[in-house]
Every structure is written in C-alpha cells, then in structure tokens.
Amino acid sequence: MTRPTTVALTISRELGSGGSFIGQAVARRLGLKYVDREILQEAARLLDVEDHDLERLEERVSTFWTRTAQVFSLGGPDVTYVPPTLRAVYEEDLFKVESRIIQEIAARDSAVIVGRGGFHVLRDHPGLVSVFVHAPEAWRADRVMATLGVADLPSALEILRRSDRDRSRFVLTMTGFAWQDAHRSHLCLDTSKLGLDTAVDLVAHLVSSRLGRSRSQG
C-alpha cells in the first residue's frame, strides 16, 4: 500500500491576529506535529551560529541600520546595541536553510508550520493547506497589549506596524509574492469577526478533511 501523503498546514498571520494560537490548537486537536523553535535551532546548527543570533533575522529583510543594530524594541528607541553575529548570516541564508528544514519535516510528518514563508516553501506539497490570519489593527493592538504586556496603545501600534512592514518586505523579497495576497491561501480568516475558537474549528475542519482524503488515497 502506498504511504499516505502527509498534510502540511501553513499559517501566515499578522502579528496579534492569533495565528500561532490557532496553529497550536489545531495541532493539539488533530495530533499534528507543531514546529516552530526547532526549525530555528536546526538552522542555527547547520549555519554554525547561536539560535538567538538568528531570531532577529526571521521574517524580515534588514536595511543597513537593522543589520547594524536594532533601533526599536519593546523598550523604545534607547535600546541597547545588539552586536552582529560572529559569522555574518543574512536573511537569504536563513531562508534557504529553513526552507530545506521545513520541506524535510513536511515530507516525514503531518505538521503545522507558522510563518517563514511556508505557503511558498511547500507550494508543491500535495497535502498543503494554506491559511492567512488577519484582523483590524485596533483589535490586534488590544491583543498585543494583553498578551505581550505592552503598556500603551502607541507602543503596541508601533510594534504592529513595524512587524507588518518587516513581514511584507520579507515575503515579497523571498517569494516574489505579496504577503497579504489572498490568492496564495486556501482560507483567509478575520479573527476579530470570527473569534479564535471559531477560527480553530474552521481550520481544524479543513485540515481534518484533507487528512481524510490523504489516508483514503494511501
């Protein structure tokens, strides 16, 4: 009997929209492998650097200034200087390595991958389910203040807008596609209208149906 095709759920999300929450909840409900930090850790091993040195490179394309130091953080513009890694690693290097890791994981296991251009990396995977999670800025700002402990609305909005710019630039540069292009997703969810629980139900139903088809074809 042919081995069933694995199912790969990729979630692209705006910061504060609940994409990671949905991914983790669906993984638990359906018994899927949820991969996040281990992708970064394996990439760091392959690139021979510390994983914390790669964190600031994920889902962004650095300008001259962000290659030199992080000017803004949760603490504002007076953030402590962040030195470059001992070995120069850029976004293109990391994206290529993480793409290979993601493809290897998806070939072995049915899994949930959040961010990292997964919708593009796994575009040829026969079991791909691609979801884009979004919400209005005000709703996301409230959630960022509540979940990340950001003290005020202006700071939350700055974090959201910086994240949106970084992710948009990253996806366009690495994949050639607009980050919020609905044509790249099987399902687009506005969590402010649906609520997180309903969003989890919808995504789980879609993935469960895809799993059923995969097993019947195996």
N, C-alpha and C. Protein backbone atom coordinates (compact mmCIF):
# COMPACT_ATOMS: atom_id res chain seq x y z
N MET A 1 0.85 -1.19 0.00
CA MET A 1 0.00 0.00 0.00
C MET A 1 0.89 1.25 0.00
N THR A 2 0.50 2.23 -0.80
CA THR A 2 1.25 3.47 -0.86
C THR A 2 1.11 4.24 0.45
N ARG A 3 2.20 4.80 0.90
CA ARG A 3 2.17 5.57 2.14
C ARG A 3 1.33 6.84 1.94
N PRO A 4 0.40 7.15 2.87
CA PRO A 4 -0.43 8.35 2.72
C PRO A 4 0.43 9.61 2.66
N THR A 5 -0.02 10.57 1.86
CA THR A 5 0.66 11.86 1.78
C THR A 5 0.49 12.60 3.11
N THR A 6 1.57 13.18 3.60
CA THR A 6 1.45 14.00 4.80
C THR A 6 0.67 15.26 4.48
N VAL A 7 0.11 15.86 5.52
CA VAL A 7 -0.61 17.12 5.38
C VAL A 7 0.19 18.21 6.07
N ALA A 8 0.38 19.32 5.38
CA ALA A 8 1.12 20.44 5.94
C ALA A 8 0.21 21.65 6.03
N LEU A 9 -0.06 22.09 7.25
CA LEU A 9 -0.83 23.31 7.47
C LEU A 9 0.15 24.46 7.64
N THR A 10 0.12 25.41 6.73
CA THR A 10 0.96 26.60 6.86
C THR A 10 0.06 27.77 7.24
N ILE A 11 0.51 28.54 8.22
CA ILE A 11 -0.26 29.69 8.69
C ILE A 11 0.58 30.95 8.54
N SER A 12 0.11 31.86 7.67
CA SER A 12 0.67 33.20 7.59
C SER A 12 -0.24 34.09 8.44
N ARG A 13 0.35 35.00 9.18
CA ARG A 13 -0.50 35.78 10.09
C ARG A 13 0.06 37.17 10.34
N GLU A 14 -0.86 38.09 10.60
CA GLU A 14 -0.48 39.40 11.08
C GLU A 14 -0.25 39.29 12.59
N LEU A 15 0.74 40.00 13.07
CA LEU A 15 1.03 39.98 14.49
C LEU A 15 -0.21 40.39 15.29
N GLY A 16 -0.53 39.62 16.32
CA GLY A 16 -1.68 39.93 17.16
C GLY A 16 -2.99 39.36 16.68
N SER A 17 -2.98 38.68 15.53
CA SER A 17 -4.24 38.15 14.99
C SER A 17 -4.57 36.76 15.53
N GLY A 18 -3.63 36.13 16.21
CA GLY A 18 -3.89 34.82 16.81
C GLY A 18 -3.47 33.64 15.96
N GLY A 19 -2.63 33.86 14.97
CA GLY A 19 -2.22 32.77 14.09
C GLY A 19 -1.48 31.65 14.81
N SER A 20 -0.58 32.01 15.70
CA SER A 20 0.16 30.98 16.45
C SER A 20 -0.77 30.20 17.37
N PHE A 21 -1.69 30.91 18.01
CA PHE A 21 -2.68 30.26 18.88
C PHE A 21 -3.49 29.23 18.09
N ILE A 22 -3.93 29.63 16.90
CA ILE A 22 -4.72 28.72 16.06
C ILE A 22 -3.90 27.51 15.66
N GLY A 23 -2.65 27.75 15.25
CA GLY A 23 -1.79 26.65 14.84
C GLY A 23 -1.57 25.64 15.94
N GLN A 24 -1.30 26.12 17.15
CA GLN A 24 -1.07 25.22 18.28
C GLN A 24 -2.34 24.46 18.64
N ALA A 25 -3.48 25.15 18.61
CA ALA A 25 -4.74 24.50 18.97
C ALA A 25 -5.12 23.41 17.97
N VAL A 26 -4.92 23.68 16.69
CA VAL A 26 -5.24 22.69 15.65
C VAL A 26 -4.29 21.49 15.76
N ALA A 27 -3.02 21.77 16.02
CA ALA A 27 -2.05 20.68 16.17
C ALA A 27 -2.44 19.76 17.32
N ARG A 28 -2.83 20.34 18.45
CA ARG A 28 -3.25 19.53 19.60
C ARG A 28 -4.49 18.72 19.28
N ARG A 29 -5.45 19.35 18.64
CA ARG A 29 -6.73 18.69 18.37
C ARG A 29 -6.57 17.51 17.41
N LEU A 30 -5.73 17.67 16.40
CA LEU A 30 -5.61 16.66 15.35
C LEU A 30 -4.37 15.78 15.48
N GLY A 31 -3.58 16.04 16.51
CA GLY A 31 -2.39 15.23 16.71
C GLY A 31 -1.30 15.48 15.68
N LEU A 32 -1.19 16.72 15.22
CA LEU A 32 -0.16 17.08 14.24
C LEU A 32 1.10 17.55 14.95
N LYS A 33 2.20 17.49 14.25
CA LYS A 33 3.47 17.99 14.78
C LYS A 33 3.47 19.51 14.62
N TYR A 34 3.69 20.24 15.71
CA TYR A 34 3.77 21.70 15.66
C TYR A 34 5.25 22.08 15.69
N VAL A 35 5.72 22.71 14.63
CA VAL A 35 7.14 23.03 14.55
C VAL A 35 7.33 24.53 14.52
N ASP A 36 8.18 25.01 15.40
CA ASP A 36 8.47 26.43 15.46
C ASP A 36 9.93 26.61 15.84
N ARG A 37 10.20 26.58 17.13
CA ARG A 37 11.55 26.84 17.62
C ARG A 37 12.57 25.83 17.08
N GLU A 38 12.15 24.60 16.87
CA GLU A 38 13.11 23.60 16.42
C GLU A 38 13.62 23.89 15.01
N ILE A 39 12.83 24.60 14.20
CA ILE A 39 13.31 25.00 12.87
C ILE A 39 14.49 25.96 13.02
N LEU A 40 14.33 26.93 13.91
CA LEU A 40 15.40 27.90 14.14
C LEU A 40 16.63 27.23 14.74
N GLN A 41 16.41 26.32 15.67
CA GLN A 41 17.54 25.63 16.31
C GLN A 41 18.32 24.77 15.31
N GLU A 42 17.61 24.08 14.43
CA GLU A 42 18.29 23.26 13.44
C GLU A 42 19.03 24.14 12.42
N ALA A 43 18.41 25.27 12.05
CA ALA A 43 19.07 26.20 11.13
C ALA A 43 20.35 26.75 11.76
N ALA A 44 20.29 27.06 13.04
CA ALA A 44 21.47 27.57 13.73
C ALA A 44 22.58 26.52 13.74
N ARG A 45 22.21 25.26 13.94
CA ARG A 45 23.21 24.19 13.93
C ARG A 45 23.86 24.07 12.56
N LEU A 46 23.05 24.12 11.51
CA LEU A 46 23.59 23.98 10.16
C LEU A 46 24.44 25.17 9.75
N LEU A 47 24.08 26.36 10.25
CA LEU A 47 24.83 27.57 9.92
C LEU A 47 25.97 27.85 10.89
N ASP A 48 26.05 27.01 11.93
CA ASP A 48 27.13 27.12 12.92
C ASP A 48 27.11 28.47 13.65
N VAL A 49 25.91 28.87 14.10
CA VAL A 49 25.75 30.07 14.90
C VAL A 49 24.80 29.75 16.05
N GLU A 50 24.66 30.67 16.99
CA GLU A 50 23.71 30.50 18.10
C GLU A 50 22.31 30.83 17.62
N ASP A 51 21.31 30.06 18.07
CA ASP A 51 19.95 30.29 17.59
C ASP A 51 19.43 31.67 17.95
N HIS A 52 19.84 32.22 19.11
CA HIS A 52 19.33 33.55 19.48
C HIS A 52 19.88 34.63 18.55
N ASP A 53 21.01 34.35 17.88
CA ASP A 53 21.56 35.31 16.93
C ASP A 53 20.75 35.36 15.64
N LEU A 54 19.95 34.32 15.38
CA LEU A 54 19.16 34.26 14.16
C LEU A 54 17.75 34.81 14.34
N GLU A 55 17.30 34.95 15.57
CA GLU A 55 15.91 35.33 15.82
C GLU A 55 15.53 36.62 15.13
N ARG A 56 16.41 37.60 15.17
CA ARG A 56 16.06 38.91 14.62
C ARG A 56 16.06 38.93 13.09
N LEU A 57 16.53 37.84 12.46
CA LEU A 57 16.57 37.77 11.01
C LEU A 57 15.32 37.12 10.42
N GLU A 58 14.54 36.43 11.23
CA GLU A 58 13.40 35.71 10.70
C GLU A 58 12.28 36.65 10.29
N GLU A 59 11.68 36.37 9.12
CA GLU A 59 10.54 37.09 8.59
C GLU A 59 10.79 38.59 8.48
N ARG A 60 11.99 38.95 8.14
CA ARG A 60 12.27 40.35 7.88
C ARG A 60 13.45 40.44 6.91
N VAL A 61 13.57 41.55 6.23
CA VAL A 61 14.71 41.81 5.38
C VAL A 61 15.38 43.06 5.91
N SER A 62 16.60 42.93 6.35
CA SER A 62 17.26 44.02 7.04
C SER A 62 17.67 45.15 6.10
N THR A 63 17.52 46.37 6.58
CA THR A 63 18.12 47.52 5.94
C THR A 63 19.52 47.67 6.52
N PHE A 64 20.24 48.66 6.07
CA PHE A 64 21.58 48.89 6.61
C PHE A 64 21.54 49.04 8.12
N TRP A 65 20.55 49.78 8.60
CA TRP A 65 20.50 50.07 10.03
C TRP A 65 20.17 48.84 10.85
N THR A 66 19.26 48.00 10.37
CA THR A 66 18.90 46.83 11.16
C THR A 66 19.95 45.75 11.06
N ARG A 67 20.82 45.82 10.08
CA ARG A 67 21.96 44.92 10.06
C ARG A 67 22.98 45.33 11.12
N THR A 68 23.00 46.59 11.48
CA THR A 68 23.99 47.10 12.44
C THR A 68 23.46 47.04 13.87
N ALA A 69 22.21 47.39 14.08
CA ALA A 69 21.64 47.38 15.43
C ALA A 69 20.13 47.43 15.34
N GLN A 70 19.45 46.97 16.36
CA GLN A 70 18.00 47.07 16.44
C GLN A 70 17.68 48.41 17.10
N VAL A 71 17.13 49.31 16.33
CA VAL A 71 16.91 50.67 16.83
C VAL A 71 15.71 50.73 17.76
N PHE A 72 14.69 49.94 17.43
CA PHE A 72 13.49 49.96 18.26
C PHE A 72 13.23 48.57 18.85
N SER A 73 12.67 48.53 20.01
CA SER A 73 12.24 47.28 20.62
C SER A 73 11.07 47.61 21.52
N LEU A 74 10.65 46.69 22.33
CA LEU A 74 9.56 46.98 23.26
C LEU A 74 9.91 48.13 24.17
N GLY A 75 11.19 48.37 24.39
CA GLY A 75 11.61 49.44 25.28
C GLY A 75 11.74 50.78 24.64
N GLY A 76 11.59 50.88 23.32
CA GLY A 76 11.69 52.17 22.68
C GLY A 76 13.03 52.36 22.00
N PRO A 77 13.31 53.58 21.49
CA PRO A 77 14.50 53.82 20.67
C PRO A 77 15.80 53.80 21.43
N ASP A 78 15.79 53.78 22.76
CA ASP A 78 17.04 53.79 23.51
C ASP A 78 17.50 52.37 23.85
N VAL A 79 17.15 51.42 22.98
CA VAL A 79 17.51 50.04 23.21
C VAL A 79 19.02 49.86 23.20
N THR A 80 19.50 48.90 23.97
CA THR A 80 20.91 48.59 24.00
C THR A 80 21.37 48.07 22.64
N TYR A 81 22.57 48.43 22.24
CA TYR A 81 23.12 47.97 20.97
C TYR A 81 23.18 46.46 20.93
N VAL A 82 22.77 45.89 19.79
CA VAL A 82 22.82 44.44 19.59
C VAL A 82 23.94 44.15 18.60
N PRO A 83 25.03 43.53 19.03
CA PRO A 83 26.16 43.29 18.12
C PRO A 83 25.82 42.26 17.07
N PRO A 84 26.48 42.32 15.91
CA PRO A 84 26.23 41.33 14.87
C PRO A 84 26.75 39.97 15.30
N THR A 85 26.27 38.92 14.63
CA THR A 85 26.78 37.59 14.92
C THR A 85 28.25 37.50 14.52
N LEU A 86 28.98 36.58 15.15
CA LEU A 86 30.39 36.43 14.83
C LEU A 86 30.58 36.03 13.38
N ARG A 87 29.68 35.20 12.89
CA ARG A 87 29.71 34.83 11.48
C ARG A 87 28.54 35.50 10.80
N ALA A 88 28.82 36.27 9.73
CA ALA A 88 27.75 37.01 9.06
C ALA A 88 26.74 36.05 8.45
N VAL A 89 25.50 36.14 8.90
CA VAL A 89 24.41 35.36 8.34
C VAL A 89 23.30 36.33 7.97
N TYR A 90 22.81 36.25 6.75
CA TYR A 90 21.78 37.16 6.31
C TYR A 90 20.48 36.43 6.06
N GLU A 91 19.42 37.22 5.83
CA GLU A 91 18.09 36.65 5.69
C GLU A 91 18.01 35.60 4.59
N GLU A 92 18.70 35.84 3.48
CA GLU A 92 18.67 34.90 2.37
C GLU A 92 19.25 33.54 2.77
N ASP A 93 20.36 33.58 3.53
CA ASP A 93 20.97 32.33 4.00
C ASP A 93 19.99 31.56 4.88
N LEU A 94 19.40 32.29 5.83
CA LEU A 94 18.49 31.65 6.79
C LEU A 94 17.26 31.10 6.09
N PHE A 95 16.72 31.85 5.14
CA PHE A 95 15.51 31.40 4.45
C PHE A 95 15.78 30.11 3.67
N LYS A 96 16.92 30.03 3.00
CA LYS A 96 17.25 28.82 2.24
C LYS A 96 17.38 27.61 3.15
N VAL A 97 18.06 27.79 4.28
CA VAL A 97 18.26 26.68 5.20
C VAL A 97 16.94 26.27 5.84
N GLU A 98 16.16 27.25 6.32
CA GLU A 98 14.88 26.92 6.95
C GLU A 98 13.91 26.29 5.95
N SER A 99 13.97 26.72 4.69
CA SER A 99 13.09 26.12 3.67
C SER A 99 13.39 24.64 3.52
N ARG A 100 14.66 24.29 3.49
CA ARG A 100 15.04 22.87 3.37
C ARG A 100 14.57 22.08 4.59
N ILE A 101 14.72 22.67 5.78
CA ILE A 101 14.28 22.01 7.00
C ILE A 101 12.76 21.79 6.99
N ILE A 102 12.02 22.81 6.59
CA ILE A 102 10.56 22.72 6.53
C ILE A 102 10.13 21.63 5.55
N GLN A 103 10.76 21.57 4.39
CA GLN A 103 10.42 20.57 3.39
C GLN A 103 10.69 19.16 3.90
N GLU A 104 11.79 18.99 4.63
CA GLU A 104 12.12 17.67 5.18
C GLU A 104 11.12 17.26 6.25
N ILE A 105 10.72 18.20 7.10
CA ILE A 105 9.73 17.89 8.13
C ILE A 105 8.40 17.50 7.50
N ALA A 106 7.96 18.29 6.51
CA ALA A 106 6.67 18.04 5.87
C ALA A 106 6.65 16.74 5.08
N ALA A 107 7.80 16.29 4.63
CA ALA A 107 7.87 15.02 3.92
C ALA A 107 7.70 13.84 4.86
N ARG A 108 8.09 14.03 6.14
CA ARG A 108 8.03 12.93 7.12
C ARG A 108 6.74 12.90 7.91
N ASP A 109 6.29 14.10 8.33
CA ASP A 109 5.18 14.18 9.29
C ASP A 109 4.11 15.17 8.82
N SER A 110 2.87 14.89 9.20
CA SER A 110 1.83 15.90 9.05
C SER A 110 2.07 16.95 10.13
N ALA A 111 2.18 18.21 9.71
CA ALA A 111 2.69 19.22 10.62
C ALA A 111 2.05 20.58 10.40
N VAL A 112 2.20 21.43 11.41
CA VAL A 112 1.77 22.83 11.35
C VAL A 112 3.01 23.70 11.33
N ILE A 113 3.11 24.56 10.34
CA ILE A 113 4.23 25.49 10.23
C ILE A 113 3.68 26.91 10.22
N VAL A 114 4.12 27.71 11.16
CA VAL A 114 3.65 29.09 11.26
C VAL A 114 4.72 30.03 10.71
N GLY A 115 4.32 30.89 9.76
CA GLY A 115 5.24 31.87 9.21
C GLY A 115 6.31 31.27 8.33
N ARG A 116 7.43 32.00 8.21
CA ARG A 116 8.62 31.57 7.47
C ARG A 116 8.35 31.31 5.98
N GLY A 117 7.33 31.96 5.44
CA GLY A 117 7.01 31.77 4.02
C GLY A 117 6.59 30.36 3.67
N GLY A 118 6.02 29.65 4.65
CA GLY A 118 5.68 28.25 4.44
C GLY A 118 4.75 28.00 3.27
N PHE A 119 3.84 28.92 3.02
CA PHE A 119 2.90 28.74 1.91
C PHE A 119 3.64 28.63 0.58
N HIS A 120 4.79 29.30 0.47
CA HIS A 120 5.59 29.27 -0.75
C HIS A 120 6.57 28.10 -0.74
N VAL A 121 7.19 27.88 0.41
CA VAL A 121 8.17 26.80 0.54
C VAL A 121 7.54 25.46 0.21
N LEU A 122 6.28 25.26 0.62
CA LEU A 122 5.59 23.98 0.43
C LEU A 122 4.53 24.04 -0.68
N ARG A 123 4.69 24.96 -1.60
CA ARG A 123 3.68 25.17 -2.64
C ARG A 123 3.45 23.93 -3.50
N ASP A 124 4.46 23.07 -3.62
CA ASP A 124 4.30 21.86 -4.44
C ASP A 124 3.95 20.62 -3.61
N HIS A 125 3.77 20.81 -2.31
CA HIS A 125 3.42 19.69 -1.44
C HIS A 125 1.96 19.29 -1.69
N PRO A 126 1.69 18.03 -2.02
CA PRO A 126 0.32 17.62 -2.37
C PRO A 126 -0.66 17.73 -1.22
N GLY A 127 -0.17 17.77 0.02
CA GLY A 127 -1.06 17.86 1.17
C GLY A 127 -1.09 19.24 1.82
N LEU A 128 -0.74 20.28 1.06
CA LEU A 128 -0.69 21.63 1.62
C LEU A 128 -2.07 22.18 1.92
N VAL A 129 -2.21 22.78 3.11
CA VAL A 129 -3.37 23.59 3.47
C VAL A 129 -2.81 24.93 3.95
N SER A 130 -3.09 25.98 3.20
CA SER A 130 -2.51 27.29 3.48
C SER A 130 -3.57 28.24 4.02
N VAL A 131 -3.27 28.85 5.17
CA VAL A 131 -4.23 29.73 5.84
C VAL A 131 -3.58 31.09 6.12
N PHE A 132 -4.33 32.16 5.90
CA PHE A 132 -3.87 33.50 6.26
C PHE A 132 -4.79 34.06 7.33
N VAL A 133 -4.21 34.51 8.44
CA VAL A 133 -4.98 35.01 9.59
C VAL A 133 -4.72 36.50 9.73
N HIS A 134 -5.79 37.27 9.81
CA HIS A 134 -5.64 38.73 9.89
C HIS A 134 -6.74 39.30 10.78
N ALA A 135 -6.61 40.58 11.09
CA ALA A 135 -7.61 41.30 11.90
C ALA A 135 -7.30 42.79 11.80
N PRO A 136 -8.29 43.64 12.08
CA PRO A 136 -8.03 45.08 12.07
C PRO A 136 -6.95 45.48 13.08
N GLU A 137 -6.27 46.55 12.79
CA GLU A 137 -5.14 46.98 13.62
C GLU A 137 -5.54 47.23 15.08
N ALA A 138 -6.68 47.87 15.29
CA ALA A 138 -7.10 48.19 16.66
C ALA A 138 -7.31 46.92 17.48
N TRP A 139 -7.92 45.92 16.87
CA TRP A 139 -8.16 44.65 17.57
C TRP A 139 -6.84 43.97 17.90
N ARG A 140 -5.94 43.99 16.95
CA ARG A 140 -4.63 43.36 17.18
C ARG A 140 -3.84 44.11 18.25
N ALA A 141 -3.95 45.44 18.26
CA ALA A 141 -3.23 46.23 19.27
C ALA A 141 -3.71 45.88 20.67
N ASP A 142 -5.01 45.72 20.83
CA ASP A 142 -5.55 45.33 22.15
C ASP A 142 -5.00 43.97 22.57
N ARG A 143 -4.93 43.06 21.63
CA ARG A 143 -4.44 41.71 21.96
C ARG A 143 -2.94 41.73 22.27
N VAL A 144 -2.17 42.53 21.53
CA VAL A 144 -0.74 42.64 21.80
C VAL A 144 -0.50 43.21 23.19
N MET A 145 -1.28 44.20 23.58
CA MET A 145 -1.12 44.76 24.93
C MET A 145 -1.45 43.71 25.99
N ALA A 146 -2.45 42.90 25.72
CA ALA A 146 -2.87 41.90 26.71
C ALA A 146 -1.91 40.71 26.77
N THR A 147 -1.45 40.24 25.62
CA THR A 147 -0.65 39.01 25.60
C THR A 147 0.85 39.25 25.75
N LEU A 148 1.33 40.40 25.29
CA LEU A 148 2.76 40.68 25.36
C LEU A 148 3.12 41.65 26.48
N GLY A 149 2.10 42.16 27.16
CA GLY A 149 2.37 43.07 28.27
C GLY A 149 2.82 44.45 27.84
N VAL A 150 2.48 44.87 26.63
CA VAL A 150 2.84 46.21 26.16
C VAL A 150 1.98 47.22 26.91
N ALA A 151 2.61 48.28 27.40
CA ALA A 151 1.94 49.16 28.37
C ALA A 151 0.94 50.12 27.76
N ASP A 152 1.15 50.55 26.51
CA ASP A 152 0.27 51.60 25.97
C ASP A 152 -0.01 51.36 24.50
N LEU A 153 -1.09 52.01 24.03
CA LEU A 153 -1.54 51.82 22.66
C LEU A 153 -0.53 52.30 21.62
N PRO A 154 0.09 53.48 21.79
CA PRO A 154 1.07 53.91 20.77
C PRO A 154 2.21 52.91 20.60
N SER A 155 2.70 52.33 21.69
CA SER A 155 3.78 51.34 21.58
C SER A 155 3.29 50.09 20.86
N ALA A 156 2.07 49.66 21.18
CA ALA A 156 1.51 48.47 20.53
C ALA A 156 1.35 48.70 19.03
N LEU A 157 0.87 49.88 18.66
CA LEU A 157 0.69 50.19 17.24
C LEU A 157 2.03 50.24 16.51
N GLU A 158 3.05 50.79 17.16
CA GLU A 158 4.37 50.84 16.54
C GLU A 158 4.91 49.43 16.30
N ILE A 159 4.73 48.54 17.29
CA ILE A 159 5.18 47.16 17.15
C ILE A 159 4.44 46.47 16.00
N LEU A 160 3.12 46.67 15.92
CA LEU A 160 2.34 46.05 14.86
C LEU A 160 2.77 46.55 13.49
N ARG A 161 2.93 47.85 13.36
CA ARG A 161 3.25 48.42 12.05
C ARG A 161 4.65 48.02 11.60
N ARG A 162 5.57 47.96 12.56
CA ARG A 162 6.92 47.53 12.22
C ARG A 162 6.92 46.06 11.80
N SER A 163 6.15 45.24 12.53
CA SER A 163 6.05 43.82 12.18
C SER A 163 5.42 43.64 10.80
N ASP A 164 4.35 44.37 10.51
CA ASP A 164 3.69 44.27 9.21
C ASP A 164 4.64 44.67 8.08
N ARG A 165 5.40 45.74 8.29
CA ARG A 165 6.35 46.17 7.26
C ARG A 165 7.42 45.10 7.03
N ASP A 166 7.95 44.57 8.14
CA ASP A 166 9.02 43.57 8.04
C ASP A 166 8.53 42.31 7.34
N ARG A 167 7.37 41.81 7.74
CA ARG A 167 6.86 40.58 7.15
C ARG A 167 6.50 40.76 5.69
N SER A 168 5.91 41.90 5.37
CA SER A 168 5.55 42.18 3.98
C SER A 168 6.79 42.23 3.10
N ARG A 169 7.82 42.91 3.57
CA ARG A 169 9.06 43.03 2.80
C ARG A 169 9.76 41.67 2.69
N PHE A 170 9.76 40.93 3.77
CA PHE A 170 10.38 39.60 3.78
C PHE A 170 9.74 38.69 2.76
N VAL A 171 8.41 38.56 2.81
CA VAL A 171 7.72 37.63 1.92
C VAL A 171 7.89 38.04 0.46
N LEU A 172 7.77 39.33 0.18
CA LEU A 172 7.92 39.79 -1.20
C LEU A 172 9.32 39.52 -1.72
N THR A 173 10.32 39.78 -0.89
CA THR A 173 11.71 39.59 -1.31
C THR A 173 12.05 38.12 -1.51
N MET A 174 11.59 37.26 -0.58
CA MET A 174 11.97 35.86 -0.62
C MET A 174 11.12 35.02 -1.57
N THR A 175 9.85 35.41 -1.78
CA THR A 175 8.96 34.59 -2.59
C THR A 175 8.51 35.25 -3.88
N GLY A 176 8.59 36.58 -3.93
CA GLY A 176 8.11 37.31 -5.10
C GLY A 176 6.62 37.59 -5.06
N PHE A 177 5.96 37.23 -3.96
CA PHE A 177 4.52 37.43 -3.84
C PHE A 177 4.19 38.39 -2.70
N ALA A 178 3.06 39.08 -2.84
CA ALA A 178 2.61 39.96 -1.78
C ALA A 178 2.14 39.13 -0.59
N TRP A 179 2.56 39.53 0.60
CA TRP A 179 2.28 38.79 1.82
C TRP A 179 0.78 38.59 2.04
N GLN A 180 -0.04 39.61 1.77
CA GLN A 180 -1.47 39.54 2.05
C GLN A 180 -2.30 39.15 0.83
N ASP A 181 -1.66 38.60 -0.17
CA ASP A 181 -2.37 38.18 -1.38
C ASP A 181 -3.23 36.94 -1.08
N ALA A 182 -4.54 37.12 -1.12
CA ALA A 182 -5.46 36.03 -0.78
C ALA A 182 -5.35 34.86 -1.74
N HIS A 183 -4.83 35.08 -2.95
CA HIS A 183 -4.71 34.00 -3.92
C HIS A 183 -3.71 32.94 -3.47
N ARG A 184 -2.88 33.26 -2.50
CA ARG A 184 -1.86 32.32 -2.03
C ARG A 184 -2.37 31.45 -0.89
N SER A 185 -3.60 31.64 -0.46
CA SER A 185 -4.14 30.91 0.69
C SER A 185 -5.42 30.17 0.32
N HIS A 186 -5.61 29.01 0.93
CA HIS A 186 -6.85 28.28 0.76
C HIS A 186 -7.97 28.88 1.61
N LEU A 187 -7.58 29.51 2.71
CA LEU A 187 -8.56 30.07 3.64
C LEU A 187 -7.99 31.32 4.28
N CYS A 188 -8.78 32.41 4.28
CA CYS A 188 -8.40 33.66 4.94
C CYS A 188 -9.40 33.92 6.06
N LEU A 189 -8.89 34.23 7.26
CA LEU A 189 -9.74 34.37 8.44
C LEU A 189 -9.53 35.72 9.11
N ASP A 190 -10.62 36.42 9.36
CA ASP A 190 -10.58 37.64 10.17
C ASP A 190 -10.98 37.25 11.59
N THR A 191 -10.01 37.13 12.47
CA THR A 191 -10.29 36.63 13.82
C THR A 191 -11.08 37.61 14.66
N SER A 192 -11.07 38.88 14.30
CA SER A 192 -11.88 39.85 15.05
C SER A 192 -13.36 39.60 14.84
N LYS A 193 -13.72 39.07 13.68
CA LYS A 193 -15.12 38.79 13.37
C LYS A 193 -15.52 37.38 13.80
N LEU A 194 -14.62 36.43 13.64
CA LEU A 194 -14.95 35.04 13.93
C LEU A 194 -14.75 34.65 15.39
N GLY A 195 -13.73 35.25 16.02
CA GLY A 195 -13.30 34.78 17.33
C GLY A 195 -12.31 33.65 17.15
N LEU A 196 -11.41 33.49 18.10
CA LEU A 196 -10.35 32.50 17.96
C LEU A 196 -10.88 31.06 17.98
N ASP A 197 -11.87 30.80 18.82
CA ASP A 197 -12.40 29.43 18.91
C ASP A 197 -13.03 28.98 17.60
N THR A 198 -13.82 29.86 16.98
CA THR A 198 -14.43 29.52 15.69
C THR A 198 -13.38 29.36 14.61
N ALA A 199 -12.35 30.22 14.66
CA ALA A 199 -11.26 30.11 13.68
C ALA A 199 -10.56 28.75 13.81
N VAL A 200 -10.33 28.31 15.03
CA VAL A 200 -9.72 27.00 15.25
C VAL A 200 -10.62 25.90 14.68
N ASP A 201 -11.92 26.00 14.92
CA ASP A 201 -12.85 24.99 14.41
C ASP A 201 -12.80 24.92 12.88
N LEU A 202 -12.79 26.07 12.22
CA LEU A 202 -12.79 26.11 10.76
C LEU A 202 -11.51 25.50 10.18
N VAL A 203 -10.38 25.90 10.75
CA VAL A 203 -9.11 25.39 10.25
C VAL A 203 -8.99 23.89 10.52
N ALA A 204 -9.39 23.47 11.72
CA ALA A 204 -9.33 22.05 12.06
C ALA A 204 -10.22 21.22 11.13
N HIS A 205 -11.39 21.74 10.80
CA HIS A 205 -12.29 21.03 9.89
C HIS A 205 -11.65 20.88 8.51
N LEU A 206 -11.03 21.96 8.01
CA LEU A 206 -10.40 21.92 6.70
C LEU A 206 -9.24 20.92 6.68
N VAL A 207 -8.40 20.98 7.71
CA VAL A 207 -7.25 20.08 7.77
C VAL A 207 -7.70 18.64 7.97
N SER A 208 -8.71 18.43 8.80
CA SER A 208 -9.22 17.08 9.03
C SER A 208 -9.75 16.47 7.73
N SER A 209 -10.43 17.27 6.93
CA SER A 209 -10.93 16.78 5.64
C SER A 209 -9.78 16.40 4.72
N ARG A 210 -8.74 17.22 4.76
CA ARG A 210 -7.57 16.93 3.91
C ARG A 210 -6.86 15.68 4.39
N LEU A 211 -6.78 15.49 5.71
CA LEU A 211 -6.19 14.28 6.25
C LEU A 211 -6.96 13.04 5.83
N GLY A 212 -8.29 13.14 5.86
CA GLY A 212 -9.12 12.02 5.47
C GLY A 212 -8.91 11.63 4.01
N ARG A 213 -8.81 12.62 3.14
CA ARG A 213 -8.57 12.34 1.73
C ARG A 213 -7.19 11.71 1.52
N SER A 214 -6.21 12.23 2.28
CA SER A 214 -4.85 11.71 2.16
C SER A 214 -4.79 10.24 2.54
N ARG A 215 -5.46 9.88 3.64
CA ARG A 215 -5.42 8.49 4.11
C ARG A 215 -6.17 7.56 3.18
N SER A 216 -7.27 8.05 2.60
CA SER A 216 -8.04 7.20 1.70
C SER A 216 -7.31 6.95 0.39
N GLN A 217 -6.40 7.87 0.05
CA GLN A 217 -5.64 7.73 -1.20
C GLN A 217 -4.36 6.92 -0.99
N GLY A 218 -4.02 6.66 0.32
CA GLY A 218 -2.77 5.98 0.61
C GLY A 218 -2.86 4.48 0.34
